[in-house]
Amino acid sequence: MIRLKRMVFPLALLLAFPALASPALVSPALAQNAAITDPPRDAANPPRPVAFVMPSPDGAGAMNALLWLAGGAGPHPTLLLFHGFPGNEQNLDLAQAARRAGWHVLTLHYRGSWGSPGDFSFSHAAQDAHTALAWLRDPANAARYGIDPRRIAVAGHSMGGFMASDAAADDHAVAGLFLIDAWPIGKAGAQTATAAGLAEWRKDHTEDMPPLAGATLDGLANEARIGAARFDLKARVLAFGPRPLAIYGASAALGADNLDLLNAAVQAGNGRASGGLWETDHSFSDHRIALAAALVDWLGTLP
């Protein structure tokens, strides 16, 4: 998980989205929504989890996945939710909140992470994100699980923010993109070109490696450095175009980068971009209810 020093932001940057800077501004009506309220039980169509293994198309590994099926008669809109690097924060509270709001949610572990077969790499994770989105669109899967392929949104935290952006940018039917303190992998990789930058990388990520198979810390740094253009988060967010976009940054971690993303999207003409900077850590540890409320509220605005 990304661990960065607390940052101080220029006033001009903080004022870019003043109405969105604090979760305290969430509407009181959200107190009654799916972020904190269980829905009535539908005995004929109860919510349930479906665990399965999603093979990668190239045969080099697979993803342990879980589809959180919402209650009620379908088809249902579906949220594809990606965790970060390595994924200590799974954001399953967000998955449950979205499910209570009537959305199916698909979560997964990338190849080579947390027991999923195969070797972990940033490139494999990006391929896995595309594979998962294609799985949701498969007519057989949509029919079997009551998935509405016209209403699929994608969300990601940290490294998962890049994976979400990458997959959503390439699928023009994705209804919306929700990013949580997204990690600019290419920028971080470029910084490892110096000895000091590589030392900082090792310091930040040594403890992230145990859940990952087939990868080394220096190998991942090399992949991110050589592929800095491929893993350019801003380029992928801009490629998403004018569709609904939400970006929430954490002041104690990647807030500056995420506000920069949000500004760039607005300046590029995305009139449906929202979000802002919250005073919290990379995991939003003391803002989980507010984050769930923001996600559920945003999902409700999608066409």
Protein backbone atom coordinates (compact mmCIF):
# COMPACT_ATOMS: atom_id res chain seq x y z
CA MET A 1 0.00 0.00 0.00
CA ILE A 2 1.26 3.49 -0.82
CA ARG A 3 2.77 5.24 2.18
CA LEU A 4 3.67 8.87 1.60
CA LYS A 5 4.45 11.84 3.79
CA ARG A 6 1.69 14.36 4.53
CA MET A 7 1.62 17.06 1.88
CA VAL A 8 0.93 20.78 2.01
CA PHE A 9 -1.08 22.03 -0.94
CA PRO A 10 -1.03 25.50 -2.52
CA LEU A 11 -4.16 27.47 -1.72
CA ALA A 12 -5.00 27.83 -5.42
CA LEU A 13 -5.08 24.05 -5.76
CA LEU A 14 -7.31 23.58 -2.74
CA LEU A 15 -9.71 26.21 -4.05
CA ALA A 16 -10.09 24.48 -7.40
CA PHE A 17 -13.05 22.49 -6.07
CA PRO A 18 -14.02 24.27 -2.83
CA ALA A 19 -17.53 22.81 -2.66
CA LEU A 20 -16.17 19.27 -2.84
CA ALA A 21 -13.28 19.50 -0.43
CA SER A 22 -14.94 18.03 2.65
CA PRO A 23 -17.15 14.99 3.24
CA ALA A 24 -19.02 17.07 5.82
CA LEU A 25 -20.86 18.60 2.85
CA VAL A 26 -22.55 15.28 1.98
CA SER A 27 -26.32 15.73 1.92
CA PRO A 28 -28.13 14.70 5.14
CA ALA A 29 -30.42 12.63 2.92
CA LEU A 30 -27.53 10.23 2.46
CA ALA A 31 -27.99 9.17 6.09
CA GLN A 32 -30.94 7.11 4.88
CA ASN A 33 -29.28 5.57 1.85
CA ALA A 34 -27.51 2.32 1.21
CA ALA A 35 -24.25 3.49 2.77
CA ILE A 36 -25.66 2.74 6.21
CA THR A 37 -29.14 1.25 5.73
CA ASP A 38 -30.03 -2.35 4.87
CA PRO A 39 -32.67 -2.78 2.15
CA PRO A 40 -35.84 -4.82 2.65
CA ARG A 41 -35.19 -8.49 2.08
CA ASP A 42 -36.45 -9.95 -1.18
CA ALA A 43 -37.04 -13.62 -0.38
CA ALA A 44 -37.52 -14.52 -4.05
CA ASN A 45 -34.30 -12.77 -5.13
CA PRO A 46 -32.01 -12.46 -2.09
CA PRO A 47 -28.53 -10.98 -2.34
CA ARG A 48 -25.75 -13.54 -2.44
CA PRO A 49 -22.04 -13.86 -3.23
CA VAL A 50 -20.74 -16.00 -6.09
CA ALA A 51 -17.07 -17.01 -5.88
CA PHE A 52 -15.32 -18.27 -9.01
CA VAL A 53 -12.00 -18.29 -10.87
CA MET A 54 -11.71 -16.12 -13.97
CA PRO A 55 -9.01 -17.43 -16.33
CA SER A 56 -6.84 -15.01 -18.25
CA PRO A 57 -7.30 -15.23 -22.04
CA ASP A 58 -3.61 -15.99 -22.60
CA GLY A 59 -3.72 -18.95 -20.23
CA ALA A 60 -0.97 -17.49 -18.04
CA GLY A 61 -2.81 -17.45 -14.75
CA ALA A 62 -6.26 -16.63 -13.45
CA MET A 63 -8.07 -14.32 -11.04
CA ASN A 64 -9.86 -15.34 -7.89
CA ALA A 65 -13.07 -13.35 -8.19
CA LEU A 66 -16.26 -12.71 -6.27
CA LEU A 67 -19.50 -11.39 -7.71
CA TRP A 68 -21.63 -9.72 -5.04
CA LEU A 69 -25.16 -10.15 -6.40
CA ALA A 70 -27.71 -7.55 -5.33
CA GLY A 71 -31.15 -8.51 -4.08
CA GLY A 72 -34.26 -7.98 -6.14
CA ALA A 73 -35.25 -8.97 -9.64
CA GLY A 74 -32.71 -8.09 -12.31
CA PRO A 75 -31.10 -7.18 -14.49
CA HIS A 76 -28.94 -5.01 -12.27
CA PRO A 77 -26.37 -2.32 -12.97
CA THR A 78 -22.90 -3.54 -12.06
CA LEU A 79 -19.82 -1.97 -10.47
CA LEU A 80 -16.37 -3.38 -11.26
CA LEU A 81 -14.17 -2.56 -8.26
CA PHE A 82 -10.36 -2.86 -8.30
CA HIS A 83 -8.11 -2.91 -5.25
CA GLY A 84 -4.66 -1.38 -5.05
CA PHE A 85 -1.06 -2.49 -4.61
CA PRO A 86 -0.89 -5.02 -3.10
CA GLY A 87 -4.51 -4.75 -1.92
CA ASN A 88 -4.41 -4.73 1.88
CA GLU A 89 -7.41 -2.40 1.71
CA GLN A 90 -10.02 -4.38 -0.21
CA ASN A 91 -12.77 -1.73 -0.03
CA LEU A 92 -15.37 -4.44 0.50
CA ASP A 93 -17.40 -2.03 2.61
CA LEU A 94 -17.84 -0.03 -0.60
CA ALA A 95 -18.85 -3.19 -2.44
CA GLN A 96 -21.50 -3.93 0.18
CA ALA A 97 -22.82 -0.36 0.09
CA ALA A 98 -23.13 -0.44 -3.69
CA ARG A 99 -24.88 -3.82 -3.48
CA ARG A 100 -27.37 -2.45 -0.94
CA ALA A 101 -28.06 0.29 -3.48
CA GLY A 102 -29.08 -2.34 -6.03
CA TRP A 103 -25.78 -2.79 -7.87
CA HIS A 104 -24.02 -6.06 -8.49
CA VAL A 105 -20.31 -5.68 -7.68
CA LEU A 106 -17.42 -7.66 -9.13
CA THR A 107 -14.18 -7.77 -7.12
CA LEU A 108 -11.07 -9.79 -7.90
CA HIS A 109 -7.42 -10.43 -7.10
CA TYR A 110 -5.07 -9.80 -10.01
CA ARG A 111 -2.93 -12.63 -11.31
CA GLY A 112 -0.17 -13.46 -8.85
CA SER A 113 -1.79 -11.56 -5.96
CA TRP A 114 -3.37 -13.02 -2.84
CA GLY A 115 -3.28 -16.60 -4.10
CA SER A 116 -4.50 -16.00 -7.65
CA PRO A 117 -2.53 -18.25 -10.05
CA GLY A 118 0.15 -16.67 -12.24
CA ASP A 119 2.75 -13.94 -11.96
CA PHE A 120 1.97 -10.44 -10.77
CA SER A 121 3.01 -7.43 -12.83
CA PHE A 122 1.50 -4.06 -13.64
CA SER A 123 1.01 -5.18 -17.23
CA HIS A 124 -0.77 -8.36 -16.14
CA ALA A 125 -2.99 -6.37 -13.77
CA ALA A 126 -3.99 -4.05 -16.63
CA GLN A 127 -4.80 -7.05 -18.81
CA ASP A 128 -6.80 -8.53 -15.94
CA ALA A 129 -8.85 -5.34 -15.66
CA HIS A 130 -9.78 -5.57 -19.34
CA THR A 131 -10.57 -9.28 -18.94
CA ALA A 132 -12.90 -8.61 -16.02
CA LEU A 133 -14.78 -5.92 -17.94
CA ALA A 134 -15.14 -8.24 -20.92
CA TRP A 135 -16.43 -10.98 -18.58
CA LEU A 136 -19.24 -8.70 -17.41
CA ARG A 137 -20.17 -7.93 -21.01
CA ASP A 138 -20.25 -11.59 -22.07
CA PRO A 139 -23.91 -12.32 -22.97
CA ALA A 140 -23.84 -15.70 -21.23
CA ASN A 141 -22.57 -14.20 -17.95
CA ALA A 142 -24.99 -11.28 -18.21
CA ALA A 143 -27.93 -13.62 -18.66
CA ARG A 144 -26.84 -16.04 -15.93
CA TYR A 145 -26.30 -13.39 -13.26
CA GLY A 146 -28.78 -10.70 -14.27
CA ILE A 147 -26.17 -8.13 -15.33
CA ASP A 148 -27.32 -5.10 -17.31
CA PRO A 149 -24.40 -4.62 -19.74
CA ARG A 150 -25.63 -1.12 -20.57
CA ARG A 151 -25.03 0.04 -16.99
CA ILE A 152 -21.50 -0.89 -15.94
CA ALA A 153 -19.38 1.49 -13.88
CA VAL A 154 -15.73 0.99 -12.90
CA ALA A 155 -14.00 2.07 -9.69
CA GLY A 156 -10.49 1.67 -8.35
CA HIS A 157 -8.38 2.55 -5.33
CA SER A 158 -4.68 3.42 -5.54
CA MET A 159 -3.07 1.19 -8.23
CA GLY A 160 -6.60 -0.01 -8.95
CA GLY A 161 -7.38 3.55 -9.99
CA PHE A 162 -5.02 3.18 -12.94
CA MET A 163 -6.43 -0.25 -13.79
CA ALA A 164 -9.98 1.13 -13.67
CA SER A 165 -9.04 4.11 -15.83
CA ASP A 166 -7.19 1.95 -18.33
CA ALA A 167 -10.07 -0.48 -18.82
CA ALA A 168 -12.78 2.19 -18.82
CA ALA A 169 -10.94 4.39 -21.32
CA ASP A 170 -10.85 1.50 -23.79
CA ASP A 171 -14.52 0.58 -23.33
CA HIS A 172 -16.68 3.45 -24.52
CA ALA A 173 -19.83 1.86 -23.09
CA VAL A 174 -18.65 2.18 -19.46
CA ALA A 175 -21.16 4.44 -17.72
CA GLY A 176 -18.82 6.06 -15.20
CA LEU A 177 -15.40 6.01 -13.53
CA PHE A 178 -14.81 6.46 -9.77
CA LEU A 179 -11.22 6.90 -8.53
CA ILE A 180 -10.04 6.78 -4.92
CA ASP A 181 -6.60 8.33 -4.35
CA ALA A 182 -5.45 6.85 -7.65
CA TRP A 183 -1.74 6.03 -7.99
CA PRO A 184 0.12 7.45 -11.03
CA ILE A 185 2.26 4.36 -11.66
CA GLY A 186 4.18 5.89 -14.56
CA LYS A 187 5.15 8.96 -12.57
CA ALA A 188 6.28 6.81 -9.64
CA GLY A 189 8.27 4.60 -11.99
CA ALA A 190 10.01 7.56 -13.61
CA GLN A 191 11.20 8.67 -10.18
CA THR A 192 13.11 5.40 -9.73
CA ALA A 193 15.56 6.46 -12.45
CA THR A 194 17.71 8.04 -9.72
CA ALA A 195 19.41 6.18 -6.90
CA ALA A 196 17.47 8.23 -4.35
CA GLY A 197 14.20 7.54 -6.11
CA LEU A 198 14.84 3.80 -6.26
CA ALA A 199 15.78 3.78 -2.58
CA GLU A 200 12.49 5.54 -1.77
CA TRP A 201 10.59 3.00 -3.87
CA ARG A 202 12.20 0.15 -1.95
CA LYS A 203 11.45 1.83 1.36
CA ASP A 204 7.80 2.43 0.46
CA HIS A 205 7.02 -0.99 -1.04
CA THR A 206 9.14 -3.67 0.63
CA GLU A 207 6.27 -4.65 2.91
CA ASP A 208 3.89 -4.87 -0.05
CA MET A 209 5.61 -7.83 -1.68
CA PRO A 210 4.56 -10.89 0.45
CA PRO A 211 1.05 -11.21 -1.13
CA LEU A 212 2.54 -11.05 -4.65
CA ALA A 213 3.98 -13.98 -6.61
CA GLY A 214 6.36 -14.00 -9.56
CA ALA A 215 7.48 -10.40 -9.03
CA THR A 216 10.37 -8.57 -7.39
CA LEU A 217 10.46 -5.07 -6.00
CA ASP A 218 13.19 -3.90 -8.36
CA GLY A 219 11.54 -5.69 -11.27
CA LEU A 220 8.31 -3.79 -10.72
CA ALA A 221 10.23 -0.53 -10.45
CA ASN A 222 11.91 -1.33 -13.76
CA GLU A 223 8.57 -2.16 -15.38
CA ALA A 224 7.02 1.10 -14.19
CA ARG A 225 10.08 3.12 -15.25
CA ILE A 226 10.39 1.64 -18.73
CA GLY A 227 6.63 1.75 -19.21
CA ALA A 228 6.12 5.25 -17.80
CA ALA A 229 4.18 6.31 -20.89
CA ARG A 230 2.08 3.14 -20.84
CA PHE A 231 1.20 3.70 -17.19
CA ASP A 232 0.44 7.42 -17.53
CA LEU A 233 -2.65 7.81 -15.33
CA LYS A 234 -3.53 11.29 -16.57
CA ALA A 235 -3.48 10.13 -20.19
CA ARG A 236 -5.89 7.33 -19.41
CA VAL A 237 -8.24 9.57 -17.43
CA LEU A 238 -8.31 12.08 -20.29
CA ALA A 239 -8.91 9.23 -22.75
CA PHE A 240 -12.04 8.40 -20.73
CA GLY A 241 -13.46 11.58 -22.22
CA PRO A 242 -16.54 13.50 -21.05
CA ARG A 243 -18.31 10.63 -19.32
CA PRO A 244 -19.24 10.78 -15.58
CA LEU A 245 -16.04 10.86 -13.52
CA ALA A 246 -15.41 11.16 -9.78
CA ILE A 247 -11.94 11.56 -8.24
CA TYR A 248 -11.33 11.72 -4.49
CA GLY A 249 -7.81 12.33 -3.23
CA ALA A 250 -6.35 11.92 0.26
CA SER A 251 -4.44 14.87 1.69
CA ALA A 252 -1.92 12.63 3.48
CA ALA A 253 -1.07 10.62 0.36
CA LEU A 254 -1.78 11.24 -3.34
CA GLY A 255 -4.10 14.22 -3.02
CA ALA A 256 -2.02 16.58 -5.15
CA ASP A 257 -1.86 14.13 -8.04
CA ASN A 258 -5.58 13.42 -7.82
CA LEU A 259 -6.58 17.08 -7.74
CA ASP A 260 -4.33 17.57 -10.75
CA LEU A 261 -6.23 14.77 -12.50
CA LEU A 262 -9.56 16.34 -11.63
CA ASN A 263 -8.44 19.77 -12.85
CA ALA A 264 -7.10 18.25 -16.07
CA ALA A 265 -10.38 16.46 -16.76
CA VAL A 266 -12.40 19.64 -16.20
CA GLN A 267 -10.05 21.70 -18.34
CA ALA A 268 -10.33 19.09 -21.09
CA GLY A 269 -14.08 19.69 -21.15
CA ASN A 270 -15.51 17.03 -18.85
CA GLY A 271 -18.53 18.79 -17.39
CA ARG A 272 -19.49 15.69 -15.43
CA ALA A 273 -16.28 15.44 -13.39
CA SER A 274 -16.62 15.75 -9.61
CA GLY A 275 -14.71 14.92 -6.43
CA GLY A 276 -12.12 16.75 -4.40
CA LEU A 277 -9.58 16.51 -1.60
CA TRP A 278 -10.39 14.93 1.76
CA GLU A 279 -8.23 15.29 4.85
CA THR A 280 -7.44 11.63 5.45
CA ASP A 281 -4.91 8.90 4.73
CA HIS A 282 -4.48 6.75 1.64
CA SER A 283 -7.01 4.18 2.90
CA PHE A 284 -9.56 6.85 3.90
CA SER A 285 -9.39 5.15 7.29
CA ASP A 286 -11.49 7.73 9.14
CA HIS A 287 -13.80 8.52 6.22
CA ARG A 288 -15.19 5.12 5.24
CA ILE A 289 -18.87 5.99 5.77
CA ALA A 290 -18.43 9.27 3.91
CA LEU A 291 -16.65 7.48 1.07
CA ALA A 292 -19.38 4.85 0.83
CA ALA A 293 -22.02 7.60 0.81
CA ALA A 294 -20.16 9.48 -1.93
CA LEU A 295 -19.94 6.33 -4.05
CA VAL A 296 -23.61 5.40 -3.60
CA ASP A 297 -24.71 8.97 -4.28
CA TRP A 298 -22.56 9.10 -7.43
CA LEU A 299 -23.83 5.73 -8.70
CA GLY A 300 -27.35 7.09 -8.37
CA THR A 301 -26.53 9.92 -10.78
CA LEU A 302 -25.40 7.66 -13.62
CA PRO A 303 -27.69 7.42 -16.65
